[in-house]
N, C-alpha and C. Protein backbone atom coordinates (compact mmCIF):
# COMPACT_ATOMS: atom_id res chain seq x y z
N UNK A 1 5.94 39.63 -53.37
CA UNK A 1 6.24 40.64 -52.57
C UNK A 1 4.95 41.73 -52.47
N UNK A 2 4.44 42.04 -53.75
CA UNK A 2 3.46 42.89 -53.91
C UNK A 2 1.93 42.40 -53.11
N UNK A 3 1.87 41.03 -53.40
CA UNK A 3 0.98 40.26 -52.74
C UNK A 3 0.79 40.33 -51.32
N UNK A 4 1.84 40.26 -50.92
CA UNK A 4 2.24 40.08 -49.33
C UNK A 4 1.81 41.62 -48.70
N UNK A 5 2.19 42.56 -49.42
CA UNK A 5 1.89 44.12 -48.97
C UNK A 5 0.43 44.09 -49.08
N UNK A 6 -0.21 43.76 -50.22
CA UNK A 6 -1.61 43.97 -50.38
C UNK A 6 -2.19 43.37 -48.95
N UNK A 7 -1.96 42.02 -48.67
CA UNK A 7 -2.51 41.23 -47.54
C UNK A 7 -2.20 42.10 -46.41
N UNK A 8 -1.03 42.56 -46.03
CA UNK A 8 -0.89 43.31 -44.75
C UNK A 8 -1.76 44.77 -44.76
N UNK A 9 -1.67 45.26 -45.80
CA UNK A 9 -2.75 46.46 -45.84
C UNK A 9 -4.06 46.17 -45.53
N UNK A 10 -4.59 45.11 -46.12
CA UNK A 10 -6.10 44.72 -46.17
C UNK A 10 -6.24 44.27 -44.56
N UNK A 11 -5.41 43.40 -44.13
CA UNK A 11 -5.42 42.92 -42.70
C UNK A 11 -5.59 44.38 -41.83
N UNK A 12 -4.68 45.06 -42.03
CA UNK A 12 -4.68 46.35 -41.14
C UNK A 12 -5.99 47.29 -41.13
N UNK A 13 -6.44 47.45 -42.48
CA UNK A 13 -7.66 48.06 -42.68
C UNK A 13 -8.79 47.40 -41.97
N UNK A 14 -8.72 46.01 -42.09
CA UNK A 14 -9.95 45.28 -41.40
C UNK A 14 -9.63 45.55 -39.87
N UNK A 15 -8.68 45.46 -39.31
CA UNK A 15 -8.34 45.63 -37.86
C UNK A 15 -8.83 46.96 -37.44
N UNK A 16 -8.46 48.12 -38.18
CA UNK A 16 -8.76 49.45 -37.98
C UNK A 16 -10.22 49.64 -38.14
N UNK A 17 -10.99 49.15 -39.06
CA UNK A 17 -12.28 49.23 -39.19
C UNK A 17 -13.18 48.58 -37.79
N UNK A 18 -12.67 47.37 -37.53
CA UNK A 18 -13.24 46.69 -36.40
C UNK A 18 -13.02 47.60 -35.01
N UNK A 19 -11.61 48.19 -35.19
CA UNK A 19 -11.53 48.99 -34.01
C UNK A 19 -12.56 50.13 -33.85
N UNK A 20 -12.59 50.77 -34.88
CA UNK A 20 -13.66 51.88 -35.03
C UNK A 20 -14.99 51.53 -34.63
N UNK A 21 -15.55 50.32 -35.28
CA UNK A 21 -16.91 49.88 -35.06
C UNK A 21 -17.19 49.67 -33.71
N UNK A 22 -16.21 48.91 -33.11
CA UNK A 22 -16.23 48.41 -31.62
C UNK A 22 -16.40 49.54 -30.69
N UNK A 23 -15.33 50.59 -30.83
CA UNK A 23 -15.53 51.75 -29.98
C UNK A 23 -16.57 52.79 -30.31
N UNK A 24 -17.31 52.79 -31.44
CA UNK A 24 -18.34 53.70 -31.49
C UNK A 24 -19.64 52.89 -31.07
N UNK A 25 -19.67 51.63 -31.30
CA UNK A 25 -20.64 50.88 -30.74
C UNK A 25 -21.04 50.78 -29.31
N UNK A 26 -19.65 51.18 -28.58
CA UNK A 26 -19.77 51.16 -27.21
C UNK A 26 -19.26 52.64 -26.63
N UNK A 27 -19.63 53.44 -27.59
CA UNK A 27 -19.26 55.01 -27.34
C UNK A 27 -19.35 55.42 -25.71
N UNK A 28 -20.25 55.07 -25.10
CA UNK A 28 -20.48 55.42 -23.71
C UNK A 28 -19.44 55.07 -22.75
N UNK A 29 -18.70 53.80 -23.15
CA UNK A 29 -17.79 53.29 -22.37
C UNK A 29 -16.19 53.48 -22.93
N UNK A 30 -16.20 54.12 -24.04
CA UNK A 30 -14.90 54.21 -24.79
C UNK A 30 -14.32 55.51 -24.52
N UNK A 31 -14.92 56.45 -23.89
CA UNK A 31 -14.25 57.74 -23.61
C UNK A 31 -14.44 58.16 -22.26
N UNK A 32 -13.49 59.28 -21.94
CA UNK A 32 -13.31 60.02 -20.87
C UNK A 32 -12.96 59.11 -19.63
N UNK A 33 -13.19 59.57 -18.36
CA UNK A 33 -12.19 59.18 -17.22
C UNK A 33 -12.48 57.76 -16.88
N UNK A 34 -13.73 57.33 -16.98
CA UNK A 34 -14.15 56.04 -16.69
C UNK A 34 -14.46 55.31 -17.86
N UNK A 35 -13.42 54.50 -18.61
CA UNK A 35 -13.64 54.07 -19.81
C UNK A 35 -13.31 52.50 -19.84
N UNK A 36 -13.76 51.82 -20.72
CA UNK A 36 -13.48 50.43 -20.97
C UNK A 36 -13.61 50.37 -22.56
N UNK A 37 -12.68 50.62 -23.48
CA UNK A 37 -12.65 50.50 -24.65
C UNK A 37 -12.39 49.21 -25.08
N UNK A 38 -13.56 48.42 -25.44
CA UNK A 38 -13.34 46.93 -25.95
C UNK A 38 -12.44 46.75 -27.01
N UNK A 39 -12.46 47.91 -27.91
CA UNK A 39 -11.75 47.68 -28.91
C UNK A 39 -10.22 47.35 -28.70
N UNK A 40 -9.76 47.85 -27.47
CA UNK A 40 -8.37 47.48 -27.02
C UNK A 40 -7.95 46.10 -27.12
N UNK A 41 -8.87 45.31 -27.02
CA UNK A 41 -8.73 43.65 -27.23
C UNK A 41 -8.02 43.37 -28.43
N UNK A 42 -8.31 44.17 -29.50
CA UNK A 42 -7.63 43.89 -30.75
C UNK A 42 -6.18 44.01 -30.64
N UNK A 43 -5.47 44.46 -29.60
CA UNK A 43 -4.02 44.38 -29.37
C UNK A 43 -3.63 42.80 -29.58
N UNK A 44 -4.33 41.96 -29.42
CA UNK A 44 -4.12 40.58 -29.64
C UNK A 44 -3.61 40.18 -31.06
N UNK A 45 -4.26 41.08 -31.95
CA UNK A 45 -3.97 40.60 -33.31
C UNK A 45 -2.47 40.94 -33.71
N UNK A 46 -1.63 41.60 -32.84
CA UNK A 46 -0.23 41.83 -33.14
C UNK A 46 0.24 40.51 -33.24
N UNK A 47 -0.27 39.49 -32.44
CA UNK A 47 0.37 38.04 -32.47
C UNK A 47 0.23 37.44 -33.91
N UNK A 48 -0.98 37.59 -34.28
CA UNK A 48 -1.30 36.94 -35.50
C UNK A 48 -0.84 37.35 -36.80
N UNK A 49 -0.70 38.74 -36.73
CA UNK A 49 -0.11 39.58 -38.02
C UNK A 49 0.40 40.84 -37.62
N UNK A 50 1.54 41.06 -38.32
CA UNK A 50 2.14 42.55 -37.96
C UNK A 50 1.35 43.69 -38.46
N UNK A 51 0.17 43.21 -39.18
CA UNK A 51 -0.65 44.38 -39.63
C UNK A 51 -1.33 44.89 -38.39
N UNK A 52 -1.54 44.13 -37.29
CA UNK A 52 -2.00 44.46 -36.18
C UNK A 52 -1.66 45.72 -35.40
N UNK A 53 -0.45 45.97 -35.77
CA UNK A 53 0.17 47.29 -35.13
C UNK A 53 -0.50 48.60 -35.95
N UNK A 54 -0.51 48.44 -37.24
CA UNK A 54 -1.04 49.70 -37.83
C UNK A 54 -2.47 49.50 -37.82
N UNK A 55 -3.07 48.35 -37.72
CA UNK A 55 -4.46 48.56 -37.71
C UNK A 55 -5.09 49.05 -36.38
N UNK A 56 -4.63 48.79 -35.03
CA UNK A 56 -5.06 49.15 -33.80
C UNK A 56 -4.57 50.77 -34.00
N UNK A 57 -3.43 51.05 -34.43
CA UNK A 57 -3.19 52.48 -34.34
C UNK A 57 -4.10 53.46 -35.18
N UNK A 58 -4.36 52.98 -36.50
CA UNK A 58 -5.07 53.87 -37.34
C UNK A 58 -6.65 53.81 -36.91
N UNK A 59 -7.03 52.49 -36.29
CA UNK A 59 -8.42 52.61 -35.81
C UNK A 59 -8.70 53.63 -34.50
N UNK A 60 -7.47 53.46 -33.68
CA UNK A 60 -7.58 54.39 -32.48
C UNK A 60 -7.54 55.79 -33.10
N UNK A 61 -6.82 56.18 -34.06
CA UNK A 61 -6.66 57.51 -34.64
C UNK A 61 -8.10 57.76 -35.08
N UNK A 62 -8.73 57.22 -35.83
CA UNK A 62 -10.09 57.42 -36.47
C UNK A 62 -10.87 57.57 -35.24
N UNK A 63 -11.08 56.60 -34.47
CA UNK A 63 -11.87 56.73 -33.14
C UNK A 63 -11.93 58.07 -32.52
N UNK A 64 -10.45 58.29 -32.15
CA UNK A 64 -10.31 59.55 -31.60
C UNK A 64 -10.64 60.87 -32.23
N UNK A 65 -10.73 60.86 -33.37
CA UNK A 65 -11.22 62.02 -34.33
C UNK A 65 -12.67 62.09 -33.94
N UNK A 66 -13.46 61.07 -33.75
CA UNK A 66 -14.93 60.96 -33.28
C UNK A 66 -15.07 61.69 -31.99
N UNK A 67 -14.00 61.40 -31.10
CA UNK A 67 -14.01 61.96 -29.60
C UNK A 67 -13.95 63.20 -29.48
N UNK A 68 -13.09 64.11 -30.28
CA UNK A 68 -13.04 65.56 -30.45
C UNK A 68 -11.84 66.32 -30.10
N UNK A 69 -11.11 65.87 -28.90
CA UNK A 69 -10.02 66.72 -28.47
C UNK A 69 -8.73 66.34 -29.23
N UNK A 70 -8.16 67.42 -29.89
CA UNK A 70 -6.84 67.33 -30.56
C UNK A 70 -5.68 66.59 -29.79
N UNK A 71 -5.82 66.81 -28.59
CA UNK A 71 -4.56 66.22 -27.46
C UNK A 71 -4.91 64.63 -27.68
N UNK A 72 -6.27 64.22 -27.50
CA UNK A 72 -6.62 62.93 -27.60
C UNK A 72 -6.35 62.19 -29.08
N UNK A 73 -6.44 63.06 -29.98
CA UNK A 73 -6.27 62.63 -31.50
C UNK A 73 -4.84 62.33 -31.56
N UNK A 74 -3.75 63.25 -30.99
CA UNK A 74 -2.48 63.06 -31.30
C UNK A 74 -1.90 62.02 -30.03
N UNK A 75 -1.90 62.39 -28.93
CA UNK A 75 -1.32 61.74 -27.91
C UNK A 75 -2.03 60.32 -27.49
N UNK A 76 -3.51 60.27 -27.56
CA UNK A 76 -4.11 58.97 -27.23
C UNK A 76 -3.77 58.00 -28.34
N UNK A 77 -3.76 58.48 -29.46
CA UNK A 77 -3.45 57.73 -30.73
C UNK A 77 -1.81 57.07 -30.53
N UNK A 78 -0.96 58.04 -30.25
CA UNK A 78 0.47 57.63 -30.06
C UNK A 78 0.63 56.75 -28.99
N UNK A 79 -0.16 56.82 -27.83
CA UNK A 79 -0.27 55.78 -26.84
C UNK A 79 -0.45 54.37 -27.44
N UNK A 80 -1.55 54.39 -28.09
CA UNK A 80 -1.88 53.05 -28.67
C UNK A 80 -0.82 52.50 -29.72
N UNK A 81 -0.09 53.40 -30.46
CA UNK A 81 0.99 53.03 -31.33
C UNK A 81 2.27 52.75 -30.64
N UNK A 82 2.61 53.39 -29.38
CA UNK A 82 3.56 53.05 -28.58
C UNK A 82 3.43 51.48 -27.89
N UNK A 83 2.53 51.22 -27.47
CA UNK A 83 1.88 50.03 -26.98
C UNK A 83 2.11 48.88 -27.85
N UNK A 84 1.68 49.32 -29.09
CA UNK A 84 1.64 48.17 -30.21
C UNK A 84 2.93 47.97 -30.53
N UNK A 85 3.83 49.06 -30.62
CA UNK A 85 5.26 48.72 -30.94
C UNK A 85 6.00 47.94 -29.79
N UNK A 86 5.49 48.26 -28.58
CA UNK A 86 6.30 47.73 -27.40
C UNK A 86 5.85 46.02 -27.54
N UNK A 87 4.41 45.61 -27.98
CA UNK A 87 3.98 44.53 -28.06
C UNK A 87 4.66 43.36 -29.00
N UNK A 88 5.23 44.16 -29.98
CA UNK A 88 6.00 43.40 -31.09
C UNK A 88 6.89 42.18 -30.58
N UNK A 89 8.02 42.76 -29.64
CA UNK A 89 9.00 41.62 -29.01
C UNK A 89 8.23 40.64 -28.33
N UNK A 90 7.23 40.90 -27.60
CA UNK A 90 6.48 39.90 -26.95
C UNK A 90 5.90 38.99 -27.83
N UNK A 91 5.19 39.38 -28.71
CA UNK A 91 4.54 38.68 -29.95
C UNK A 91 5.44 37.60 -30.51
N UNK A 92 6.70 38.22 -30.87
CA UNK A 92 7.69 37.44 -31.58
C UNK A 92 8.18 36.36 -30.69
N UNK A 93 8.39 36.67 -29.50
CA UNK A 93 8.85 35.57 -28.67
C UNK A 93 7.87 34.58 -28.42
N UNK A 94 6.74 34.96 -28.43
CA UNK A 94 5.65 33.76 -28.02
C UNK A 94 5.37 32.98 -29.38
N UNK A 95 5.50 33.80 -30.53
CA UNK A 95 5.37 32.94 -31.66
C UNK A 95 6.46 31.91 -31.79
N UNK A 96 7.72 32.25 -31.36
CA UNK A 96 8.80 31.32 -31.47
C UNK A 96 8.29 30.06 -30.54
N UNK A 97 7.84 30.32 -29.34
CA UNK A 97 7.48 29.39 -28.34
C UNK A 97 6.08 28.48 -28.79
N UNK A 98 5.10 29.23 -29.10
CA UNK A 98 3.78 28.71 -29.31
C UNK A 98 3.40 28.29 -30.83
N UNK A 99 4.11 28.99 -31.72
CA UNK A 99 3.74 28.55 -32.97
C UNK A 99 2.67 29.49 -33.60
N UNK A 100 1.79 28.92 -34.31
CA UNK A 100 0.78 29.89 -34.83
C UNK A 100 -0.67 29.67 -33.97
N UNK A 101 -0.68 28.64 -32.97
CA UNK A 101 -1.84 28.55 -32.26
C UNK A 101 -1.48 29.11 -31.00
N UNK A 102 -2.04 30.18 -30.38
CA UNK A 102 -1.60 30.82 -29.06
C UNK A 102 -2.54 30.35 -27.97
N UNK A 103 -1.90 29.71 -26.92
CA UNK A 103 -2.69 29.19 -25.85
C UNK A 103 -3.10 30.51 -25.00
N UNK A 104 -4.09 30.39 -24.09
CA UNK A 104 -4.83 31.49 -23.13
C UNK A 104 -3.71 31.91 -22.27
N UNK A 105 -2.90 30.81 -21.79
CA UNK A 105 -1.99 31.30 -20.72
C UNK A 105 -0.90 32.31 -21.26
N UNK A 106 -0.25 31.97 -22.31
CA UNK A 106 0.64 32.81 -22.97
C UNK A 106 0.13 34.06 -23.50
N UNK A 107 -1.26 34.04 -23.76
CA UNK A 107 -1.78 35.25 -24.42
C UNK A 107 -1.95 36.33 -23.54
N UNK A 108 -1.93 36.02 -22.02
CA UNK A 108 -1.99 37.02 -21.11
C UNK A 108 -0.82 38.03 -21.13
N UNK A 109 0.36 37.64 -21.81
CA UNK A 109 1.51 38.43 -21.72
C UNK A 109 1.30 39.65 -22.81
N UNK A 110 0.61 39.34 -23.88
CA UNK A 110 0.44 40.40 -25.11
C UNK A 110 -0.06 41.63 -24.54
N UNK A 111 -1.09 41.85 -23.76
CA UNK A 111 -1.59 43.18 -23.60
C UNK A 111 -0.85 43.93 -22.39
N UNK A 112 0.24 43.49 -21.93
CA UNK A 112 0.86 44.16 -20.72
C UNK A 112 1.16 45.59 -21.27
N UNK A 113 1.71 45.85 -22.46
CA UNK A 113 2.11 47.26 -22.89
C UNK A 113 1.00 48.00 -23.15
N UNK A 114 -0.05 47.52 -23.59
CA UNK A 114 -1.44 48.15 -23.81
C UNK A 114 -1.77 48.57 -22.46
N UNK A 115 -2.09 47.97 -21.40
CA UNK A 115 -2.50 48.20 -20.26
C UNK A 115 -1.60 49.38 -19.55
N UNK A 116 -0.35 49.22 -19.62
CA UNK A 116 0.65 49.97 -18.74
C UNK A 116 0.75 51.19 -19.48
N UNK A 117 0.87 51.33 -20.82
CA UNK A 117 0.99 52.62 -21.41
C UNK A 117 -0.22 53.49 -21.40
N UNK A 118 -1.28 52.77 -21.87
CA UNK A 118 -2.46 53.80 -21.62
C UNK A 118 -2.89 54.24 -20.19
N UNK A 119 -2.58 53.38 -19.14
CA UNK A 119 -2.87 53.85 -17.66
C UNK A 119 -1.88 55.14 -17.34
N UNK A 120 -0.64 55.04 -18.19
CA UNK A 120 0.34 56.34 -17.71
C UNK A 120 -0.13 57.54 -18.63
N UNK A 121 -0.38 57.21 -20.04
CA UNK A 121 -0.53 58.43 -20.81
C UNK A 121 -2.00 59.10 -20.89
N UNK A 122 -2.85 58.17 -20.97
CA UNK A 122 -4.25 58.60 -21.18
C UNK A 122 -4.98 59.57 -19.91
N UNK A 123 -4.36 59.49 -18.77
CA UNK A 123 -4.89 60.19 -17.44
C UNK A 123 -4.30 61.84 -17.78
N UNK A 124 -3.38 61.93 -18.70
CA UNK A 124 -2.81 63.20 -19.08
C UNK A 124 -3.65 63.80 -20.18
N UNK A 125 -4.02 62.87 -21.03
CA UNK A 125 -5.01 63.31 -22.16
C UNK A 125 -6.14 63.74 -21.41
N UNK A 126 -6.82 63.03 -20.74
CA UNK A 126 -8.18 63.34 -19.98
C UNK A 126 -7.87 64.77 -19.43
N UNK A 127 -7.03 64.88 -18.59
CA UNK A 127 -6.69 65.98 -17.60
C UNK A 127 -6.44 67.30 -18.57
N UNK A 128 -5.58 67.15 -19.45
CA UNK A 128 -5.32 68.24 -20.49
C UNK A 128 -6.16 68.59 -21.55
N UNK A 129 -6.60 67.33 -22.32
CA UNK A 129 -7.40 67.42 -23.54
C UNK A 129 -8.97 67.60 -23.28
N UNK A 130 -9.22 67.15 -22.23
CA UNK A 130 -10.67 67.16 -21.91
C UNK A 130 -11.04 68.18 -20.58
N UNK A 131 -9.94 68.44 -20.01
CA UNK A 131 -10.16 69.49 -18.87
C UNK A 131 -10.93 68.73 -17.66
N UNK A 132 -10.72 67.51 -17.59
CA UNK A 132 -11.33 66.86 -16.40
C UNK A 132 -10.32 66.75 -15.23
N UNK A 133 -10.63 67.73 -14.45
CA UNK A 133 -9.75 68.30 -13.15
C UNK A 133 -10.23 67.81 -11.90
N UNK A 134 -11.38 66.93 -11.81
CA UNK A 134 -11.79 66.29 -10.71
C UNK A 134 -12.30 65.01 -10.98
N UNK A 135 -12.16 63.98 -9.98
CA UNK A 135 -12.65 62.87 -10.17
C UNK A 135 -13.12 62.36 -8.80
N UNK A 136 -14.48 62.02 -8.59
CA UNK A 136 -14.94 61.60 -7.23
C UNK A 136 -14.62 62.88 -6.47
N UNK A 137 -14.23 62.63 -5.28
CA UNK A 137 -13.99 63.78 -4.36
C UNK A 137 -12.67 64.34 -4.36
N UNK A 138 -11.78 63.95 -5.29
CA UNK A 138 -10.32 64.19 -5.53
C UNK A 138 -10.29 65.55 -6.40
N UNK A 139 -9.70 66.47 -5.83
CA UNK A 139 -9.45 67.75 -6.57
C UNK A 139 -7.93 68.12 -6.78
N UNK A 140 -7.05 67.40 -6.13
CA UNK A 140 -5.61 67.90 -6.41
C UNK A 140 -5.26 67.10 -7.71
N UNK A 141 -4.27 67.76 -8.51
CA UNK A 141 -3.95 67.17 -9.93
C UNK A 141 -3.31 65.73 -9.66
N UNK A 142 -2.55 65.64 -8.64
CA UNK A 142 -1.95 64.16 -8.43
C UNK A 142 -2.98 63.08 -8.06
N UNK A 143 -3.82 63.51 -7.39
CA UNK A 143 -5.06 62.51 -6.75
C UNK A 143 -5.84 62.15 -8.09
N UNK A 144 -6.43 63.19 -8.99
CA UNK A 144 -7.02 63.10 -10.04
C UNK A 144 -6.31 62.26 -11.16
N UNK A 145 -4.99 62.50 -11.48
CA UNK A 145 -4.29 61.79 -12.36
C UNK A 145 -4.26 60.46 -11.75
N UNK A 146 -3.85 60.05 -10.60
CA UNK A 146 -3.78 58.60 -9.89
C UNK A 146 -5.05 57.93 -10.04
N UNK A 147 -6.31 58.70 -9.79
CA UNK A 147 -7.43 57.98 -9.92
C UNK A 147 -7.85 57.66 -11.37
N UNK A 148 -7.56 58.63 -12.31
CA UNK A 148 -7.67 58.19 -13.68
C UNK A 148 -6.62 56.98 -14.30
N UNK A 149 -5.63 57.08 -13.75
CA UNK A 149 -4.47 55.86 -14.16
C UNK A 149 -5.15 54.68 -13.70
N UNK A 150 -5.78 54.63 -12.38
CA UNK A 150 -6.38 53.31 -11.98
C UNK A 150 -7.80 53.20 -12.77
N UNK A 151 -8.53 54.03 -13.08
CA UNK A 151 -9.51 53.83 -13.85
C UNK A 151 -9.48 53.22 -15.30
N UNK A 152 -8.49 54.01 -16.01
CA UNK A 152 -8.11 53.66 -17.37
C UNK A 152 -7.53 52.35 -17.28
N UNK A 153 -6.51 52.22 -16.39
CA UNK A 153 -5.83 50.88 -16.32
C UNK A 153 -6.78 49.69 -16.11
N UNK A 154 -7.79 49.99 -15.31
CA UNK A 154 -8.84 48.83 -14.92
C UNK A 154 -9.69 48.61 -16.16
N UNK A 155 -10.09 49.71 -16.88
CA UNK A 155 -10.66 49.49 -18.23
C UNK A 155 -9.73 48.75 -19.28
N UNK A 156 -8.81 49.01 -19.20
CA UNK A 156 -7.75 48.18 -20.19
C UNK A 156 -7.65 46.83 -19.90
N UNK A 157 -7.64 46.57 -18.58
CA UNK A 157 -7.70 45.01 -18.01
C UNK A 157 -8.78 44.38 -18.33
N UNK A 158 -10.13 45.00 -18.16
CA UNK A 158 -11.26 44.27 -18.61
C UNK A 158 -11.19 44.23 -20.22
N UNK A 159 -10.82 45.19 -20.89
CA UNK A 159 -10.82 44.96 -22.24
C UNK A 159 -10.01 43.84 -22.90
N UNK A 160 -8.70 43.97 -22.34
CA UNK A 160 -7.59 42.94 -22.80
C UNK A 160 -7.65 41.61 -22.16
N UNK A 161 -8.24 41.61 -21.13
CA UNK A 161 -7.90 40.12 -20.40
C UNK A 161 -9.43 39.57 -20.30
N UNK A 162 -10.39 40.21 -20.68
CA UNK A 162 -11.74 39.38 -20.82
C UNK A 162 -12.15 39.12 -22.27
N UNK A 163 -11.79 40.23 -22.91
CA UNK A 163 -12.28 40.08 -24.54
C UNK A 163 -11.13 39.86 -25.31
N UNK A 164 -9.89 39.93 -24.77
CA UNK A 164 -8.72 39.35 -25.61
C UNK A 164 -8.69 37.91 -25.86
N UNK A 165 -8.78 37.18 -24.65
CA UNK A 165 -8.52 35.66 -24.74
C UNK A 165 -9.81 35.24 -25.48
N UNK A 166 -11.07 35.90 -25.68
CA UNK A 166 -12.05 35.43 -26.51
C UNK A 166 -11.80 35.64 -28.01
N UNK A 167 -10.96 36.66 -28.20
CA UNK A 167 -10.40 37.09 -29.56
C UNK A 167 -9.35 36.02 -30.09
N UNK A 168 -8.61 35.76 -28.96
CA UNK A 168 -7.45 34.55 -29.41
C UNK A 168 -8.16 33.23 -29.73
N UNK A 169 -9.09 32.83 -29.10
CA UNK A 169 -9.59 31.73 -29.11
C UNK A 169 -10.33 31.56 -30.78
N UNK A 170 -11.01 32.74 -31.04
CA UNK A 170 -11.60 32.85 -32.36
C UNK A 170 -10.51 32.92 -33.45
N UNK A 171 -9.39 33.52 -33.20
CA UNK A 171 -8.36 33.70 -34.14
C UNK A 171 -7.44 32.25 -34.37
N UNK A 172 -7.35 31.63 -33.26
CA UNK A 172 -6.83 30.14 -33.38
C UNK A 172 -7.71 29.46 -34.11
N UNK A 173 -8.87 29.43 -34.00
CA UNK A 173 -10.00 28.46 -35.05
C UNK A 173 -9.81 29.31 -36.58
N UNK A 174 -9.79 30.35 -36.70
CA UNK A 174 -9.59 30.89 -37.86
C UNK A 174 -8.30 30.48 -38.67
N UNK A 175 -7.28 30.82 -37.88
CA UNK A 175 -5.83 30.33 -38.26
C UNK A 175 -5.86 28.68 -38.86
N UNK A 176 -6.42 27.95 -37.85
CA UNK A 176 -6.64 26.52 -38.20
C UNK A 176 -7.35 26.19 -39.51
N UNK A 177 -8.43 26.77 -39.55
CA UNK A 177 -9.09 26.56 -40.84
C UNK A 177 -8.63 27.14 -42.08
N UNK A 178 -7.82 28.24 -41.87
CA UNK A 178 -7.30 28.73 -43.13
C UNK A 178 -6.05 27.67 -43.59
N UNK A 179 -5.39 27.14 -42.54
CA UNK A 179 -4.34 26.24 -42.80
C UNK A 179 -4.77 25.07 -43.57
N UNK A 180 -6.10 24.64 -42.89
CA UNK A 180 -6.73 23.35 -43.49
C UNK A 180 -6.97 23.48 -45.34
N UNK A 181 -7.44 24.96 -45.36
CA UNK A 181 -7.94 25.30 -47.02
C UNK A 181 -6.63 25.20 -47.81
N UNK A 182 -5.51 25.79 -47.14
CA UNK A 182 -4.19 25.84 -47.87
C UNK A 182 -3.86 24.55 -48.04
N UNK A 183 -3.79 23.47 -47.25
CA UNK A 183 -3.47 22.14 -47.51
C UNK A 183 -4.18 21.45 -48.62
N UNK A 184 -5.37 22.07 -48.76
CA UNK A 184 -6.57 21.14 -49.86
C UNK A 184 -6.01 21.65 -51.06
N UNK A 185 -5.33 22.64 -51.32
CA UNK A 185 -5.18 23.39 -52.60
C UNK A 185 -3.87 22.54 -53.47
């Protein structure tokens, strides 16, 4: 039992560290109203380990601390946690259907909560947390929030549906190689 807990904490820490590194390495794309936080592709890790939930949450929390706004630290991080928790039932259902190796077609279901939750919550974080009250020619609150929802959602789609499947392919290979080494022992 203790060994399993240590393994999950280690996995969560690695995922969190990857999230922070990816976000900071792509800093200019990871913040504000036009963002494509590549690290969001790590939501795919929830399929491979339950530690993915806490890994993406803690990684997002640390990343948002670097971003500055307390509203982002609290509500931006909570958006990631909510999305991760909503991903669990999808991951469990797919695990029953697909086993340990996730095919790309089915992997497209995993990021749905991440895309939707962030597209709904993050525009409010940007508006109230960073004071971004205009976007393009839009000045009305509703128009600005709508444009930001589209922009954030589009960035999430890019992160999760371009980089996510790449991560799935890598994880499928890693998972197979780990099972091979287990068989040899």
